[in-house]
C-alpha atoms as a PDB file:
ATOM      1  CA  MET A   1       7.188   2.365 -19.638  1.00  0.00           C
ATOM      2  CA  THR A   2       4.796   3.511 -16.920  1.00  0.00           C
ATOM      3  CA  ILE A   3       1.114   2.961 -17.629  1.00  0.00           C
ATOM      4  CA  TYR A   4      -1.712   4.882 -15.928  1.00  0.00           C
ATOM      5  CA  THR A   5      -4.875   2.789 -15.849  1.00  0.00           C
ATOM      6  CA  VAL A   6      -8.260   4.489 -15.798  1.00  0.00           C
ATOM      7  CA  ASN A   7     -10.666   1.944 -14.306  1.00  0.00           C
ATOM      8  CA  PHE A   8     -14.394   2.265 -14.819  1.00  0.00           C
ATOM      9  CA  GLN A   9     -15.644   0.307 -11.865  1.00  0.00           C
ATOM     10  CA  ILE A  10     -18.438  -0.052  -9.343  1.00  0.00           C
ATOM     11  CA  GLY A  11     -17.004  -1.074  -6.001  1.00  0.00           C
ATOM     12  CA  ASP A  12     -14.363  -3.721  -6.666  1.00  0.00           C
ATOM     13  CA  PHE A  13     -15.857  -4.790 -10.010  1.00  0.00           C
ATOM     14  CA  VAL A  14     -14.065  -3.329 -13.032  1.00  0.00           C
ATOM     15  CA  PHE A  15     -16.220  -3.076 -16.178  1.00  0.00           C
ATOM     16  CA  PHE A  16     -13.538  -1.783 -18.553  1.00  0.00           C
ATOM     17  CA  THR A  17     -10.245   0.073 -18.491  1.00  0.00           C
ATOM     18  CA  LYS A  18      -8.294   2.636 -20.480  1.00  0.00           C
ATOM     19  CA  LYS A  19      -4.493   2.419 -20.334  1.00  0.00           C
ATOM     20  CA  ILE A  20      -2.552   5.656 -20.798  1.00  0.00           C
ATOM     21  CA  PRO A  21       1.231   5.466 -21.506  1.00  0.00           C
ATOM     22  CA  ILE A  22       3.000   8.046 -19.333  1.00  0.00           C
ATOM     23  CA  ALA A  23       5.778  10.127 -20.910  1.00  0.00           C
ATOM     24  CA  SER A  24       7.345  11.081 -17.576  1.00  0.00           C
ATOM     25  CA  VAL A  25       6.870  10.363 -13.872  1.00  0.00           C
ATOM     26  CA  VAL A  26       7.918  13.101 -11.444  1.00  0.00           C
ATOM     27  CA  LYS A  27       8.591  11.862  -7.912  1.00  0.00           C
ATOM     28  CA  CYS A  28       9.158  13.818  -4.732  1.00  0.00           C
ATOM     29  CA  ASN A  29       9.885  12.896  -1.131  1.00  0.00           C
ATOM     30  CA  VAL A  30       6.463  13.276   0.425  1.00  0.00           C
ATOM     31  CA  PHE A  31       7.789  13.090   3.985  1.00  0.00           C
ATOM     32  CA  GLU A  32      10.421  15.809   3.700  1.00  0.00           C
ATOM     33  CA  SER A  33       8.487  18.353   1.662  1.00  0.00           C
ATOM     34  CA  GLU A  34       5.978  21.034   2.535  1.00  0.00           C
ATOM     35  CA  PRO A  35       2.422  20.691   1.168  1.00  0.00           C
ATOM     36  CA  LEU A  36       2.028  22.114  -2.351  1.00  0.00           C
ATOM     37  CA  MET A  37      -0.184  25.203  -2.422  1.00  0.00           C
ATOM     38  CA  THR A  38      -0.630  25.215  -6.215  1.00  0.00           C
ATOM     39  CA  LEU A  39      -0.810  22.541  -8.901  1.00  0.00           C
ATOM     40  CA  PRO A  40       2.608  21.616 -10.381  1.00  0.00           C
ATOM     41  CA  GLU A  41       3.578  23.080 -13.753  1.00  0.00           C
ATOM     42  CA  ALA A  42       3.908  20.512 -16.548  1.00  0.00           C
ATOM     43  CA  ASN A  43       6.991  21.557 -18.502  1.00  0.00           C
ATOM     44  CA  GLU A  44       7.810  18.210 -20.114  1.00  0.00           C
ATOM     45  CA  ALA A  45       6.080  15.939 -22.636  1.00  0.00           C
ATOM     46  CA  LEU A  46       2.562  14.793 -21.723  1.00  0.00           C
ATOM     47  CA  PRO A  47       1.000  12.685 -20.292  1.00  0.00           C
ATOM     48  CA  GLN A  48       2.843  13.411 -17.064  1.00  0.00           C
ATOM     49  CA  PHE A  49       2.252  11.763 -13.698  1.00  0.00           C
ATOM     50  CA  TYR A  50       3.024  13.019 -10.195  1.00  0.00           C
ATOM     51  CA  PRO A  51       2.553  10.165  -7.707  1.00  0.00           C
ATOM     52  CA  ASN A  52       2.131  10.733  -3.997  1.00  0.00           C
ATOM     53  CA  LEU A  53       2.064  14.527  -3.943  1.00  0.00           C
ATOM     54  CA  ASN A  54       1.928  16.120  -0.498  1.00  0.00           C
ATOM     55  CA  VAL A  55      -0.737  18.786  -1.023  1.00  0.00           C
ATOM     56  CA  ASP A  56      -2.868  21.420   0.623  1.00  0.00           C
ATOM     57  CA  SER A  57      -6.398  20.029   0.289  1.00  0.00           C
ATOM     58  CA  ASP A  58      -7.712  23.450  -0.880  1.00  0.00           C
ATOM     59  CA  ILE A  59      -5.981  23.147  -4.261  1.00  0.00           C
ATOM     60  CA  VAL A  60      -7.748  19.927  -5.242  1.00  0.00           C
ATOM     61  CA  ASP A  61     -11.391  20.797  -4.692  1.00  0.00           C
ATOM     62  CA  ASN A  62     -11.976  20.160  -8.405  1.00  0.00           C
ATOM     63  CA  LYS A  63     -11.064  16.703  -9.623  1.00  0.00           C
ATOM     64  CA  VAL A  64     -10.419  17.998 -13.147  1.00  0.00           C
ATOM     65  CA  THR A  65      -8.834  21.427 -13.656  1.00  0.00           C
ATOM     66  CA  LEU A  66      -8.053  23.055 -17.027  1.00  0.00           C
ATOM     67  CA  LYS A  67      -4.908  25.189 -16.755  1.00  0.00           C
ATOM     68  CA  LYS A  68      -2.966  26.639 -19.711  1.00  0.00           C
ATOM     69  CA  GLY A  69      -4.424  24.078 -22.086  1.00  0.00           C
ATOM     70  CA  LYS A  70      -3.647  21.131 -19.845  1.00  0.00           C
ATOM     71  CA  LEU A  71      -5.980  18.907 -17.796  1.00  0.00           C
ATOM     72  CA  TYR A  72      -4.961  18.250 -14.200  1.00  0.00           C
ATOM     73  CA  TYR A  73      -6.713  15.166 -12.887  1.00  0.00           C
ATOM     74  CA  ILE A  74      -6.783  14.315  -9.199  1.00  0.00           C
ATOM     75  CA  ARG A  75      -9.080  11.400  -8.577  1.00  0.00           C
ATOM     76  CA  SER A  76      -8.955  11.539  -4.786  1.00  0.00           C
ATOM     77  CA  LEU A  77      -7.123  12.669  -1.698  1.00  0.00           C
ATOM     78  CA  TYR A  78      -5.797  10.036   0.662  1.00  0.00           C
ATOM     79  CA  ASN A  79      -3.857   9.682   3.868  1.00  0.00           C
ATOM     80  CA  ASN A  80      -0.301   8.428   3.512  1.00  0.00           C
ATOM     81  CA  TYR A  81       0.669   6.896   6.861  1.00  0.00           C
ATOM     82  CA  PHE A  82       4.317   6.457   7.803  1.00  0.00           C
ATOM     83  CA  ILE A  83       6.866   6.034  10.583  1.00  0.00           C
ATOM     84  CA  LYS A  84       9.903   8.272  10.878  1.00  0.00           C
ATOM     85  CA  LEU A  85      12.321   5.532  11.912  1.00  0.00           C
ATOM     86  CA  SER A  86      15.112   7.977  12.680  1.00  0.00           C
ATOM     87  CA  ASP A  87      13.073   9.291  15.630  1.00  0.00           C
ATOM     88  CA  TYR A  88      13.663   6.029  17.530  1.00  0.00           C
ATOM     89  CA  ASN A  89      16.911   4.484  18.736  1.00  0.00           C
ATOM     90  CA  ASN A  90      15.526   0.987  19.150  1.00  0.00           C
ATOM     91  CA  PHE A  91      12.392  -1.135  19.001  1.00  0.00           C
ATOM     92  CA  ASP A  92      11.464  -0.566  22.645  1.00  0.00           C
ATOM     93  CA  GLU A  93      11.455   3.204  22.068  1.00  0.00           C
ATOM     94  CA  TYR A  94       9.135   2.737  19.100  1.00  0.00           C
ATOM     95  CA  LEU A  95       6.744   0.617  21.190  1.00  0.00           C
ATOM     96  CA  LEU A  96       6.436   3.493  23.662  1.00  0.00           C
ATOM     97  CA  LYS A  97       4.503   5.411  21.009  1.00  0.00           C
ATOM     98  CA  PHE A  98       1.557   3.110  21.770  1.00  0.00           C
ATOM     99  CA  SER A  99      -0.625   3.573  24.813  1.00  0.00           C
ATOM    100  CA  SER A 100       0.029   1.071  27.596  1.00  0.00           C
ATOM    101  CA  LYS A 101      -3.252  -0.670  26.721  1.00  0.00           C
ATOM    102  CA  SER A 102      -2.423  -0.937  23.013  1.00  0.00           C
ATOM    103  CA  ARG A 103       1.125  -2.064  23.778  1.00  0.00           C
ATOM    104  CA  SER A 104      -0.202  -4.783  26.067  1.00  0.00           C
ATOM    105  CA  THR A 105      -2.748  -5.906  23.455  1.00  0.00           C
ATOM    106  CA  LEU A 106      -0.075  -6.041  20.748  1.00  0.00           C
ATOM    107  CA  LYS A 107       2.308  -8.134  22.832  1.00  0.00           C
ATOM    108  CA  ARG A 108      -0.554 -10.414  23.862  1.00  0.00           C
ATOM    109  CA  LYS A 109      -1.405 -11.102  20.204  1.00  0.00           C
ATOM    110  CA  VAL A 110       2.203 -12.008  19.475  1.00  0.00           C
ATOM    111  CA  ARG A 111       2.407 -14.245  22.542  1.00  0.00           C
ATOM    112  CA  LYS A 112      -0.896 -15.933  21.678  1.00  0.00           C
ATOM    113  CA  ALA A 113       0.357 -16.782  18.195  1.00  0.00           C
ATOM    114  CA  GLU A 114       3.679 -18.113  19.492  1.00  0.00           C
ATOM    115  CA  GLU A 115       1.966 -20.268  22.107  1.00  0.00           C
ATOM    116  CA  ALA A 116      -0.283 -21.675  19.365  1.00  0.00           C
ATOM    117  CA  GLY A 117       2.765 -22.840  17.419  1.00  0.00           C
ATOM    118  CA  PHE A 118       3.290 -19.990  14.931  1.00  0.00           C
ATOM    119  CA  THR A 119       6.884 -19.290  13.924  1.00  0.00           C
ATOM    120  CA  HIS A 120       8.428 -16.786  11.548  1.00  0.00           C
ATOM    121  CA  LYS A 121      11.426 -16.303   9.295  1.00  0.00           C
ATOM    122  CA  LEU A 122      12.843 -13.070   7.870  1.00  0.00           C
ATOM    123  CA  TYR A 123      14.570 -12.906   4.494  1.00  0.00           C
ATOM    124  CA  SER A 124      17.126 -10.346   3.310  1.00  0.00           C
ATOM    125  CA  LYS A 125      19.872 -12.228   1.408  1.00  0.00           C
ATOM    126  CA  VAL A 126      20.230 -13.115  -2.262  1.00  0.00           C
ATOM    127  CA  GLU A 127      20.144 -16.850  -1.559  1.00  0.00           C
ATOM    128  CA  GLU A 128      16.870 -16.412   0.389  1.00  0.00           C
ATOM    129  CA  VAL A 129      14.874 -14.663  -2.344  1.00  0.00           C
ATOM    130  CA  ALA A 130      13.663 -17.825  -4.108  1.00  0.00           C
ATOM    131  CA  GLU A 131      12.358 -19.401  -0.892  1.00  0.00           C
ATOM    132  CA  PHE A 132      10.592 -16.228   0.226  1.00  0.00           C
ATOM    133  CA  HIS A 133       9.026 -15.679  -3.187  1.00  0.00           C
ATOM    134  CA  SER A 134       7.822 -19.276  -3.397  1.00  0.00           C
ATOM    135  CA  PHE A 135       6.215 -19.198   0.059  1.00  0.00           C
ATOM    136  CA  ALA A 136       4.698 -15.732  -0.515  1.00  0.00           C
ATOM    137  CA  CYS A 137       3.119 -16.840  -3.812  1.00  0.00           C
ATOM    138  CA  CYS A 138       1.698 -19.975  -2.154  1.00  0.00           C
ATOM    139  CA  VAL A 139      -0.027 -17.813   0.442  1.00  0.00           C
ATOM    140  CA  GLY A 140      -0.928 -14.953  -1.890  1.00  0.00           C
ATOM    141  CA  LYS A 141      -3.266 -16.824  -4.194  1.00  0.00           C
ATOM    142  CA  TYR A 142      -5.503 -17.835  -1.269  1.00  0.00           C
ATOM    143  CA  THR A 143      -5.710 -14.457   0.524  1.00  0.00           C
ATOM    144  CA  TYR A 144      -8.789 -12.287   0.641  1.00  0.00           C
ATOM    145  CA  GLN A 145      -6.631  -9.434  -0.747  1.00  0.00           C
ATOM    146  CA  ASN A 146      -6.285 -11.463  -3.912  1.00  0.00           C
ATOM    147  CA  SER A 147      -9.971 -12.459  -3.946  1.00  0.00           C
ATOM    148  CA  LEU A 148     -11.244  -8.906  -3.461  1.00  0.00           C
ATOM    149  CA  PHE A 149      -8.641  -6.770  -5.218  1.00  0.00           C
ATOM    150  CA  ASP A 150      -6.531  -9.157  -7.326  1.00  0.00           C
ATOM    151  CA  SER A 151      -3.679  -7.862  -5.180  1.00  0.00           C
ATOM    152  CA  SER A 152      -1.050 -10.410  -4.260  1.00  0.00           C
ATOM    153  CA  ILE A 153       2.673 -10.622  -4.856  1.00  0.00           C
ATOM    154  CA  PRO A 154       3.383 -11.284  -8.569  1.00  0.00           C
ATOM    155  CA  SER A 155       4.462 -14.859  -9.241  1.00  0.00           C
ATOM    156  CA  ASN A 156       6.339 -14.251 -12.507  1.00  0.00           C
ATOM    157  CA  GLU A 157      10.072 -14.689 -12.982  1.00  0.00           C
ATOM    158  CA  GLY A 158      10.549 -11.027 -13.856  1.00  0.00           C
ATOM    159  CA  TYR A 159       9.331  -9.894 -10.454  1.00  0.00           C
ATOM    160  CA  ARG A 160      11.538 -12.452  -8.717  1.00  0.00           C
ATOM    161  CA  ASN A 161      14.520 -11.105 -10.672  1.00  0.00           C
ATOM    162  CA  GLU A 162      13.703  -7.598  -9.448  1.00  0.00           C
ATOM    163  CA  MET A 163      13.775  -8.919  -5.893  1.00  0.00           C
ATOM    164  CA  LEU A 164      17.138 -10.574  -6.561  1.00  0.00           C
ATOM    165  CA  GLU A 165      18.571  -7.276  -7.778  1.00  0.00           C
ATOM    166  CA  LEU A 166      17.353  -5.515  -4.631  1.00  0.00           C
ATOM    167  CA  ALA A 167      18.877  -8.269  -2.488  1.00  0.00           C
ATOM    168  CA  ARG A 168      22.255  -7.780  -4.187  1.00  0.00           C
ATOM    169  CA  LYS A 169      22.089  -4.127  -3.122  1.00  0.00           C
ATOM    170  CA  GLY A 170      21.006  -4.994   0.424  1.00  0.00           C
ATOM    171  CA  LEU A 171      17.529  -3.509  -0.109  1.00  0.00           C
ATOM    172  CA  PHE A 172      15.402  -6.660   0.062  1.00  0.00           C
ATOM    173  CA  LEU A 173      13.315  -7.588   3.116  1.00  0.00           C
ATOM    174  CA  GLY A 174      10.489 -10.055   3.479  1.00  0.00           C
ATOM    175  CA  GLY A 175       8.880 -12.081   6.221  1.00  0.00           C
ATOM    176  CA  ILE A 176       6.926 -15.355   6.336  1.00  0.00           C
ATOM    177  CA  LEU A 177       4.746 -16.574   9.201  1.00  0.00           C
ATOM    178  CA  PHE A 178       4.401 -20.347   9.546  1.00  0.00           C
ATOM    179  CA  LYS A 179       1.868 -22.583  11.287  1.00  0.00           C
ATOM    180  CA  ASP A 180       3.013 -26.180  11.708  1.00  0.00           C
ATOM    181  CA  GLU A 181       5.886 -25.403   9.319  1.00  0.00           C
ATOM    182  CA  LYS A 182       3.490 -24.343   6.560  1.00  0.00           C
ATOM    183  CA  PRO A 183       3.417 -20.685   5.354  1.00  0.00           C
ATOM    184  CA  CYS A 184       0.260 -18.805   6.345  1.00  0.00           C
ATOM    185  CA  ALA A 185       1.218 -15.107   5.996  1.00  0.00           C
ATOM    186  CA  TYR A 186       3.762 -12.973   4.154  1.00  0.00           C
ATOM    187  CA  LEU A 187       4.970  -9.371   4.217  1.00  0.00           C
ATOM    188  CA  TYR A 188       7.227  -7.779   1.600  1.00  0.00           C
ATOM    189  CA  THR A 189       8.865  -4.442   2.462  1.00  0.00           C
ATOM    190  CA  PRO A 190      11.782  -3.554   0.133  1.00  0.00           C
ATOM    191  CA  VAL A 191      13.819  -0.376   0.563  1.00  0.00           C
ATOM    192  CA  ASN A 192      13.562   2.395  -2.032  1.00  0.00           C
ATOM    193  CA  GLU A 193      14.744   6.006  -1.761  1.00  0.00           C
ATOM    194  CA  GLU A 194      15.207   6.096   2.017  1.00  0.00           C
ATOM    195  CA  GLN A 195      11.909   4.263   2.608  1.00  0.00           C
ATOM    196  CA  TYR A 196      10.832   0.766   3.519  1.00  0.00           C
ATOM    197  CA  LEU A 197       7.803   0.318   1.261  1.00  0.00           C
ATOM    198  CA  TYR A 198       4.777  -1.574   2.559  1.00  0.00           C
ATOM    199  CA  THR A 199       4.396  -3.408  -0.734  1.00  0.00           C
ATOM    200  CA  TYR A 200       2.516  -6.673  -0.173  1.00  0.00           C
ATOM    201  CA  LEU A 201       0.859  -8.242   2.867  1.00  0.00           C
ATOM    202  CA  GLY A 202      -1.369 -11.298   2.845  1.00  0.00           C
ATOM    203  CA  TYR A 203      -2.506 -14.123   5.081  1.00  0.00           C
ATOM    204  CA  LEU A 204      -4.707 -17.183   4.936  1.00  0.00           C
ATOM    205  CA  PRO A 205      -8.188 -16.302   6.237  1.00  0.00           C
ATOM    206  CA  ASP A 206      -8.412 -19.527   8.264  1.00  0.00           C
ATOM    207  CA  PHE A 207      -5.872 -18.043  10.698  1.00  0.00           C
ATOM    208  CA  SER A 208      -7.392 -14.563  11.074  1.00  0.00           C
ATOM    209  CA  ALA A 209      -8.237 -15.214  14.754  1.00  0.00           C
ATOM    210  CA  PHE A 210      -4.490 -15.132  15.460  1.00  0.00           C
ATOM    211  CA  SER A 211      -3.936 -11.707  13.788  1.00  0.00           C
ATOM    212  CA  PRO A 212      -1.199 -13.041  11.463  1.00  0.00           C
ATOM    213  CA  GLY A 213      -0.672  -9.724   9.678  1.00  0.00           C
ATOM    214  CA  THR A 214      -0.176  -7.882  12.967  1.00  0.00           C
ATOM    215  CA  VAL A 215       2.160 -10.552  14.349  1.00  0.00           C
ATOM    216  CA  LEU A 216       4.320 -10.567  11.221  1.00  0.00           C
ATOM    217  CA  GLN A 217       4.453  -6.760  11.101  1.00  0.00           C
ATOM    218  CA  PHE A 218       5.601  -6.744  14.741  1.00  0.00           C
ATOM    219  CA  LYS A 219       8.415  -9.183  13.928  1.00  0.00           C
ATOM    220  CA  VAL A 220       9.505  -7.220  10.846  1.00  0.00           C
ATOM    221  CA  PHE A 221       9.707  -3.953  12.805  1.00  0.00           C
ATOM    222  CA  GLN A 222      11.653  -5.704  15.543  1.00  0.00           C
ATOM    223  CA  HIS A 223      14.126  -6.918  12.899  1.00  0.00           C
ATOM    224  CA  ILE A 224      14.432  -3.470  11.282  1.00  0.00           C
ATOM    225  CA  PHE A 225      15.367  -1.808  14.564  1.00  0.00           C
ATOM    226  CA  ASP A 226      17.623  -4.652  15.719  1.00  0.00           C
ATOM    227  CA  GLU A 227      19.593  -4.534  12.456  1.00  0.00           C
ATOM    228  CA  LYS A 228      19.589  -0.704  12.410  1.00  0.00           C
ATOM    229  CA  PRO A 229      17.215   0.811   9.810  1.00  0.00           C
ATOM    230  CA  LYS A 230      18.513   1.111   6.242  1.00  0.00           C
ATOM    231  CA  ALA A 231      16.100   3.986   5.604  1.00  0.00           C
ATOM    232  CA  LYS A 232      14.699   7.021   7.403  1.00  0.00           C
ATOM    233  CA  PHE A 233      11.048   6.101   6.931  1.00  0.00           C
ATOM    234  CA  PHE A 234       8.647   3.179   6.821  1.00  0.00           C
ATOM    235  CA  ASN A 235       6.055   4.110   4.220  1.00  0.00           C
ATOM    236  CA  PHE A 236       2.649   2.426   4.520  1.00  0.00           C
ATOM    237  CA  THR A 237       1.735   4.021   1.168  1.00  0.00           C
ATOM    238  CA  GLU A 238      -1.732   5.025   0.050  1.00  0.00           C
ATOM    239  CA  GLY A 239      -4.787   3.919   2.029  1.00  0.00           C
ATOM    240  CA  ASN A 240      -6.591   4.034   5.354  1.00  0.00           C
ATOM    241  CA  GLY A 241      -6.336   0.449   6.567  1.00  0.00           C
ATOM    242  CA  GLN A 242      -6.749  -0.038  10.296  1.00  0.00           C
ATOM    243  CA  HIS A 243      -3.425  -1.890  10.327  1.00  0.00           C
ATOM    244  CA  LYS A 244      -1.646   1.174   8.892  1.00  0.00           C
ATOM    245  CA  VAL A 245      -3.316   3.597  11.291  1.00  0.00           C
ATOM    246  CA  PHE A 246      -2.328   1.459  14.271  1.00  0.00           C
ATOM    247  CA  PHE A 247       1.372   1.010  13.478  1.00  0.00           C
ATOM    248  CA  SER A 248       2.090   4.441  11.959  1.00  0.00           C
ATOM    249  CA  THR A 249       3.296   7.507  13.844  1.00  0.00           C
ATOM    250  CA  ASP A 250       2.423  10.242  11.290  1.00  0.00           C
ATOM    251  CA  LYS A 251       0.405  10.909   8.165  1.00  0.00           C
ATOM    252  CA  LYS A 252       0.258  13.396   5.309  1.00  0.00           C
ATOM    253  CA  ILE A 253      -2.569  14.277   2.942  1.00  0.00           C
ATOM    254  CA  CYS A 254      -1.553  13.239  -0.555  1.00  0.00           C
ATOM    255  CA  CYS A 255      -2.873  12.758  -4.062  1.00  0.00           C
ATOM    256  CA  ASN A 256      -1.799  11.377  -7.416  1.00  0.00           C
ATOM    257  CA  CYS A 257      -1.875  13.965 -10.196  1.00  0.00           C
ATOM    258  CA  LEU A 258      -2.242  13.034 -13.870  1.00  0.00           C
ATOM    259  CA  ILE A 259      -1.633  15.788 -16.437  1.00  0.00           C
ATOM    260  CA  LEU A 260      -3.045  15.383 -19.966  1.00  0.00           C
ATOM    261  CA  GLU A 261      -3.513  17.508 -23.044  1.00  0.00           C
ATOM    262  CA  GLY A 262      -6.718  19.518 -22.687  1.00  0.00           C
ATOM    263  CA  SER A 263      -8.690  17.739 -25.423  1.00  0.00           C
ATOM    264  CA  VAL A 264     -12.425  17.047 -25.462  1.00  0.00           C
ATOM    265  CA  TYR A 265     -11.707  13.304 -25.550  1.00  0.00           C
ATOM    266  CA  ASN A 266      -9.486  13.406 -22.466  1.00  0.00           C
ATOM    267  CA  TYR A 267     -11.956  15.582 -20.589  1.00  0.00           C
ATOM    268  CA  SER A 268     -14.836  13.212 -21.420  1.00  0.00           C
ATOM    269  CA  LEU A 269     -12.790  10.174 -20.388  1.00  0.00           C
ATOM    270  CA  LEU A 270     -11.967  11.626 -16.988  1.00  0.00           C
ATOM    271  CA  LYS A 271     -15.493  12.888 -16.331  1.00  0.00           C
ATOM    272  CA  MET A 272     -16.860   9.430 -17.135  1.00  0.00           C
ATOM    273  CA  GLN A 273     -14.616   7.882 -14.496  1.00  0.00           C
ATOM    274  CA  ILE A 274     -15.780  10.489 -11.983  1.00  0.00           C
ATOM    275  CA  ILE A 275     -19.418   9.536 -12.717  1.00  0.00           C
ATOM    276  CA  PHE A 276     -18.565   5.862 -12.111  1.00  0.00           C
ATOM    277  CA  ASP A 277     -16.863   6.832  -8.840  1.00  0.00           C
ATOM    278  CA  LEU A 278     -19.890   8.830  -7.674  1.00  0.00           C
ATOM    279  CA  PHE A 279     -22.252   5.954  -8.372  1.00  0.00           C
ATOM    280  CA  SER A 280     -19.877   3.528  -6.669  1.00  0.00           C
ATOM    281  CA  ALA A 281     -19.747   5.774  -3.594  1.00  0.00           C
ATOM    282  CA  PHE A 282     -23.556   6.002  -3.538  1.00  0.00           C
ATOM    283  CA  LEU A 283     -23.845   2.227  -3.768  1.00  0.00           C
ATOM    284  CA  GLY A 284     -21.314   1.865  -0.959  1.00  0.00           C
ATOM    285  CA  LYS A 285     -23.374   4.130   1.281  1.00  0.00           C
ATOM    286  CA  MET A 286     -26.461   2.038   0.614  1.00  0.00           C
ATOM    287  CA  LEU A 287     -24.563  -1.145   1.512  1.00  0.00           C
ATOM    288  CA  ASP A 288     -23.342   0.467   4.729  1.00  0.00           C
ATOM    289  CA  LYS A 289     -26.802   1.736   5.562  1.00  0.00           C
ATOM    290  CA  PHE A 290     -28.181  -1.796   5.490  1.00  0.00           C
ATOM    291  CA  ASN A 291     -24.978  -3.308   6.971  1.00  0.00           C
ATOM    292  CA  LEU A 292     -24.301  -5.404   3.858  1.00  0.00           C
ATOM    293  CA  ARG A 293     -20.728  -4.423   2.943  1.00  0.00           C
ATOM    294  CA  THR A 294     -19.070  -6.361   5.773  1.00  0.00           C
ATOM    295  CA  LYS A 295     -21.297  -9.374   5.189  1.00  0.00           C
ATOM    296  CA  ILE A 296     -20.415  -9.447   1.474  1.00  0.00           C
ATOM    297  CA  LYS A 297     -16.664  -9.204   2.190  1.00  0.00           C
ATOM    298  CA  LYS A 298     -16.895 -11.983   4.773  1.00  0.00           C
ATOM    299  CA  LEU A 299     -18.738 -14.151   2.246  1.00  0.00           C
ATOM    300  CA  ILE A 300     -16.021 -13.541  -0.374  1.00  0.00           C
ATOM    301  CA  ARG A 301     -13.297 -14.360   2.161  1.00  0.00           C
ATOM    302  CA  LYS A 302     -15.009 -17.664   3.015  1.00  0.00           C
ATOM    303  CA  GLN A 303     -15.380 -18.517  -0.667  1.00  0.00           C
END
């Protein structure tokens, strides 16, 4: 069962949550569809969830909209960055999308890492899943992504079994970067519905000077093109990370739409989260104004 979690948080600190069981999830191919001009009609049992909708920004000016007795909740708009892999015949063609300066900088970072003794290994076979998962989990628990967002590859057996099933279908792909034969970065990009999904990336902060995430991404793309892509797109998913902006070739404006019964309780719940979001945004602006956000993140990474 899919669960939608309503987090009441300030910045990265979650005070409490409300979990909503979703009756149905309606997916669409964001890259091959035109932007929606109106909110989708909910014809099935509620709650209903539309992830990654490609939308016209004019239709989501209101975060909560009451329509025919139903609440349409859109917490935020975001950029979904991606690469249309089918536009390129090989890796060299893809690299031409970068300016000559950026291309030179990218290759220099890879060369610098290799000269410093970094090596990599890519994983795509059933018999390689256990090793990849073990190395990725070893790295994941020490990454700043895990420290800041509790976001690292799950270490449980159930998740590893899911990876095994994907590998049996030829849809599993992961990469590990090593320094002195010890894992220091991982990237997991399985294939789902004609897309490589940018699912988990993490690296040990001690090696940040060598751009491990960038180096590993470079090697994974090189592998994808060399082996001929198994999907039309590489989907960087939701978010505006500098890494995603740099490697992507296109973007679409998207949102996640939650549809609930139009009750007073549901309306109050959603409005409360909006109030938390507004205060969090205000606090973020104050941190930026006094140049504290970056310092705090650096302190957390060191810790």
